[in-house]
Amino acid sequence: MSKTILVIDDDRLIRDLIEAILNNNNYRIIKAESGVIGCNLAKEYIPDLIICDLMMPEVNGFDVLKFIRRNPNTKHIPLIILSIIEELETEQLLIELGANDYVIKNYGLNDLPQIVLKYL
C-alpha cells in the first residue's frame, strides 16, 4: 500500500510541483490550499507525512504545526516545513515546536524525495 503525503501550500503551482517531484515514488498525494483545510484533511486522512508551507494567510505553518502536535491522532505524523525564509532562528524555533525538517523552497525542493524517505 502506498504512503499518503499531505501537501499544504497556498500556492497551487508549488503544490503541483511537489506532487510532480514526488509522483515517481508511488505516493498518494493529498493537497490543501490553506492551513485550515490542511488541518481538517490531516484529521480525516491521518497521512503518513505532512509537507507544509510556513507563510500562508489566516492559518500559517506555525499554527498547523501546533495543531498537528496537540492532536493525539496526528501528533506522531512527521511534518516538513517549507519556506522561502533562510533564517537559522526560524528553523530552530520550528524544530523546537516539533517540525521534523525545514526545507528552503528556493533550492531544496529537488531534495524532497530524499528528505521524504527519511520519514516514510
C-alpha atoms as a PDB file:
ATOM      1  CA  MET A   1       0.000   0.000   0.000  1.00  0.00           C
ATOM      2  CA  SER A   2       1.344   3.425  -0.900  1.00  0.00           C
ATOM      3  CA  LYS A   3       2.133   6.054   1.692  1.00  0.00           C
ATOM      4  CA  THR A   4      -0.035   9.169   1.923  1.00  0.00           C
ATOM      5  CA  ILE A   5       1.529  12.632   1.923  1.00  0.00           C
ATOM      6  CA  LEU A   6      -0.487  15.751   2.716  1.00  0.00           C
ATOM      7  CA  VAL A   7       0.860  18.874   0.978  1.00  0.00           C
ATOM      8  CA  ILE A   8      -0.354  22.181   2.434  1.00  0.00           C
ATOM      9  CA  ASP A   9       0.541  25.321   0.485  1.00  0.00           C
ATOM     10  CA  ASP A  10      -1.488  28.334  -0.604  1.00  0.00           C
ATOM     11  CA  ASP A  11       0.365  28.408  -3.955  1.00  0.00           C
ATOM     12  CA  ARG A  12      -1.174  25.958  -6.430  1.00  0.00           C
ATOM     13  CA  LEU A  13       1.987  25.875  -8.533  1.00  0.00           C
ATOM     14  CA  ILE A  14       4.071  24.803  -5.520  1.00  0.00           C
ATOM     15  CA  ARG A  15       1.521  22.117  -4.591  1.00  0.00           C
ATOM     16  CA  ASP A  16       1.568  20.792  -8.147  1.00  0.00           C
ATOM     17  CA  LEU A  17       5.383  20.959  -8.328  1.00  0.00           C
ATOM     18  CA  ILE A  18       5.737  18.953  -5.097  1.00  0.00           C
ATOM     19  CA  GLU A  19       3.262  16.399  -6.426  1.00  0.00           C
ATOM     20  CA  ALA A  20       5.265  16.118  -9.665  1.00  0.00           C
ATOM     21  CA  ILE A  21       8.561  15.771  -7.771  1.00  0.00           C
ATOM     22  CA  LEU A  22       7.184  13.014  -5.533  1.00  0.00           C
ATOM     23  CA  ASN A  23       4.949  11.350  -8.122  1.00  0.00           C
ATOM     24  CA  ASN A  24       7.604   8.881  -9.292  1.00  0.00           C
ATOM     25  CA  ASN A  25       7.627   7.220  -5.878  1.00  0.00           C
ATOM     26  CA  ASN A  26       4.010   5.970  -5.887  1.00  0.00           C
ATOM     27  CA  TYR A  27       2.911   8.183  -3.016  1.00  0.00           C
ATOM     28  CA  ARG A  28      -0.730   9.131  -2.601  1.00  0.00           C
ATOM     29  CA  ILE A  29      -0.694  12.935  -2.571  1.00  0.00           C
ATOM     30  CA  ILE A  30      -3.467  14.931  -0.910  1.00  0.00           C
ATOM     31  CA  LYS A  31      -3.299  18.681  -1.482  1.00  0.00           C
ATOM     32  CA  ALA A  32      -4.687  21.521   0.621  1.00  0.00           C
ATOM     33  CA  GLU A  33      -4.700  25.182  -0.365  1.00  0.00           C
ATOM     34  CA  SER A  34      -4.871  26.541   3.185  1.00  0.00           C
ATOM     35  CA  GLY A  35      -3.852  25.722   6.720  1.00  0.00           C
ATOM     36  CA  VAL A  36      -7.485  25.301   7.781  1.00  0.00           C
ATOM     37  CA  ILE A  37      -8.188  22.783   5.033  1.00  0.00           C
ATOM     38  CA  GLY A  38      -4.864  21.066   5.715  1.00  0.00           C
ATOM     39  CA  CYS A  39      -5.652  20.599   9.403  1.00  0.00           C
ATOM     40  CA  ASN A  40      -9.063  19.163   8.543  1.00  0.00           C
ATOM     41  CA  LEU A  41      -7.571  16.771   5.978  1.00  0.00           C
ATOM     42  CA  ALA A  42      -4.888  15.701   8.462  1.00  0.00           C
ATOM     43  CA  LYS A  43      -7.610  14.755  10.963  1.00  0.00           C
ATOM     44  CA  GLU A  44      -9.641  12.973   8.294  1.00  0.00           C
ATOM     45  CA  TYR A  45      -6.925  11.011   6.489  1.00  0.00           C
ATOM     46  CA  ILE A  46      -4.128  10.695   9.121  1.00  0.00           C
ATOM     47  CA  PRO A  47      -1.417  10.895   6.424  1.00  0.00           C
ATOM     48  CA  ASP A  48       1.998   9.271   6.785  1.00  0.00           C
ATOM     49  CA  LEU A  49       3.750  12.629   6.262  1.00  0.00           C
ATOM     50  CA  ILE A  50       2.818  16.310   6.035  1.00  0.00           C
ATOM     51  CA  ILE A  51       4.665  18.898   3.951  1.00  0.00           C
ATOM     52  CA  CYS A  52       3.506  22.388   4.910  1.00  0.00           C
ATOM     53  CA  ASP A  53       4.302  25.920   3.768  1.00  0.00           C
ATOM     54  CA  LEU A  54       5.288  28.328   6.534  1.00  0.00           C
ATOM     55  CA  MET A  55       3.889  31.610   5.205  1.00  0.00           C
ATOM     56  CA  MET A  56       0.155  31.320   4.489  1.00  0.00           C
ATOM     57  CA  PRO A  57      -2.733  33.674   5.254  1.00  0.00           C
ATOM     58  CA  GLU A  58      -5.011  33.027   8.245  1.00  0.00           C
ATOM     59  CA  VAL A  59      -3.578  29.697   9.467  1.00  0.00           C
ATOM     60  CA  ASN A  60       0.177  29.606   8.794  1.00  0.00           C
ATOM     61  CA  GLY A  61       2.712  26.806   9.132  1.00  0.00           C
ATOM     62  CA  PHE A  62       3.340  27.585  12.805  1.00  0.00           C
ATOM     63  CA  ASP A  63      -0.383  27.187  13.506  1.00  0.00           C
ATOM     64  CA  VAL A  64      -0.609  23.962  11.502  1.00  0.00           C
ATOM     65  CA  LEU A  65       2.414  22.555  13.335  1.00  0.00           C
ATOM     66  CA  LYS A  66       0.912  23.411  16.730  1.00  0.00           C
ATOM     67  CA  PHE A  67      -2.446  21.881  15.749  1.00  0.00           C
ATOM     68  CA  ILE A  68      -0.848  18.671  14.464  1.00  0.00           C
ATOM     69  CA  ARG A  69       1.332  18.237  17.560  1.00  0.00           C
ATOM     70  CA  ARG A  70      -1.555  18.893  20.002  1.00  0.00           C
ATOM     71  CA  ASN A  71      -3.966  16.435  18.389  1.00  0.00           C
ATOM     72  CA  PRO A  72      -3.499  12.901  19.797  1.00  0.00           C
ATOM     73  CA  ASN A  73      -4.409  11.336  16.422  1.00  0.00           C
ATOM     74  CA  THR A  74      -1.899  13.385  14.404  1.00  0.00           C
ATOM     75  CA  LYS A  75       0.926  14.212  16.812  1.00  0.00           C
ATOM     76  CA  HIS A  76       3.030  11.274  15.561  1.00  0.00           C
ATOM     77  CA  ILE A  77       2.960  12.378  11.899  1.00  0.00           C
ATOM     78  CA  PRO A  78       6.314  13.663  10.599  1.00  0.00           C
ATOM     79  CA  LEU A  79       5.968  17.247   9.412  1.00  0.00           C
ATOM     80  CA  ILE A  80       8.304  19.033   6.999  1.00  0.00           C
ATOM     81  CA  ILE A  81       8.059  22.829   6.819  1.00  0.00           C
ATOM     82  CA  LEU A  82       8.702  24.612   3.517  1.00  0.00           C
ATOM     83  CA  SER A  83       9.704  28.252   3.457  1.00  0.00           C
ATOM     84  CA  ILE A  84      11.468  30.939   1.496  1.00  0.00           C
ATOM     85  CA  ILE A  85      12.876  32.233   4.800  1.00  0.00           C
ATOM     86  CA  GLU A  86      16.535  31.332   5.266  1.00  0.00           C
ATOM     87  CA  GLU A  87      16.926  32.216   8.935  1.00  0.00           C
ATOM     88  CA  LEU A  88      18.535  29.835  11.370  1.00  0.00           C
ATOM     89  CA  GLU A  89      16.407  31.248  14.208  1.00  0.00           C
ATOM     90  CA  THR A  90      13.185  30.419  12.349  1.00  0.00           C
ATOM     91  CA  GLU A  91      14.393  26.909  11.583  1.00  0.00           C
ATOM     92  CA  GLN A  92      15.455  26.319  15.197  1.00  0.00           C
ATOM     93  CA  LEU A  93      12.109  27.576  16.525  1.00  0.00           C
ATOM     94  CA  LEU A  94      10.177  25.278  14.193  1.00  0.00           C
ATOM     95  CA  ILE A  95      12.296  22.284  15.211  1.00  0.00           C
ATOM     96  CA  GLU A  96      11.715  23.156  18.883  1.00  0.00           C
ATOM     97  CA  LEU A  97       7.957  23.283  18.206  1.00  0.00           C
ATOM     98  CA  GLY A  98       8.082  19.787  16.724  1.00  0.00           C
ATOM     99  CA  ALA A  99       8.828  20.123  13.000  1.00  0.00           C
ATOM    100  CA  ASN A 100      10.890  17.215  11.717  1.00  0.00           C
ATOM    101  CA  ASP A 101      12.618  19.100   8.924  1.00  0.00           C
ATOM    102  CA  TYR A 102      12.884  22.512   7.282  1.00  0.00           C
ATOM    103  CA  VAL A 103      13.296  22.914   3.512  1.00  0.00           C
ATOM    104  CA  ILE A 104      14.067  26.168   1.732  1.00  0.00           C
ATOM    105  CA  LYS A 105      11.804  26.424  -1.330  1.00  0.00           C
ATOM    106  CA  ASN A 106      14.319  28.283  -3.482  1.00  0.00           C
ATOM    107  CA  TYR A 107      16.760  25.375  -3.714  1.00  0.00           C
ATOM    108  CA  GLY A 108      15.567  22.497  -1.545  1.00  0.00           C
ATOM    109  CA  LEU A 109      12.542  21.182  -3.440  1.00  0.00           C
ATOM    110  CA  ASN A 110      14.639  18.884  -5.625  1.00  0.00           C
ATOM    111  CA  ASP A 111      15.897  17.234  -2.421  1.00  0.00           C
ATOM    112  CA  LEU A 112      12.343  16.403  -1.266  1.00  0.00           C
ATOM    113  CA  PRO A 113      12.377  12.747  -2.430  1.00  0.00           C
ATOM    114  CA  GLN A 114      15.441  12.019  -0.274  1.00  0.00           C
ATOM    115  CA  ILE A 115      14.107  14.013   2.666  1.00  0.00           C
ATOM    116  CA  VAL A 116      10.710  12.303   2.481  1.00  0.00           C
ATOM    117  CA  LEU A 117      12.399   8.881   2.512  1.00  0.00           C
ATOM    118  CA  LYS A 118      13.909   9.711   5.915  1.00  0.00           C
ATOM    119  CA  TYR A 119      10.411   9.818   7.406  1.00  0.00           C
ATOM    120  CA  LEU A 120       8.492   7.152   5.486  1.00  0.00           C
END
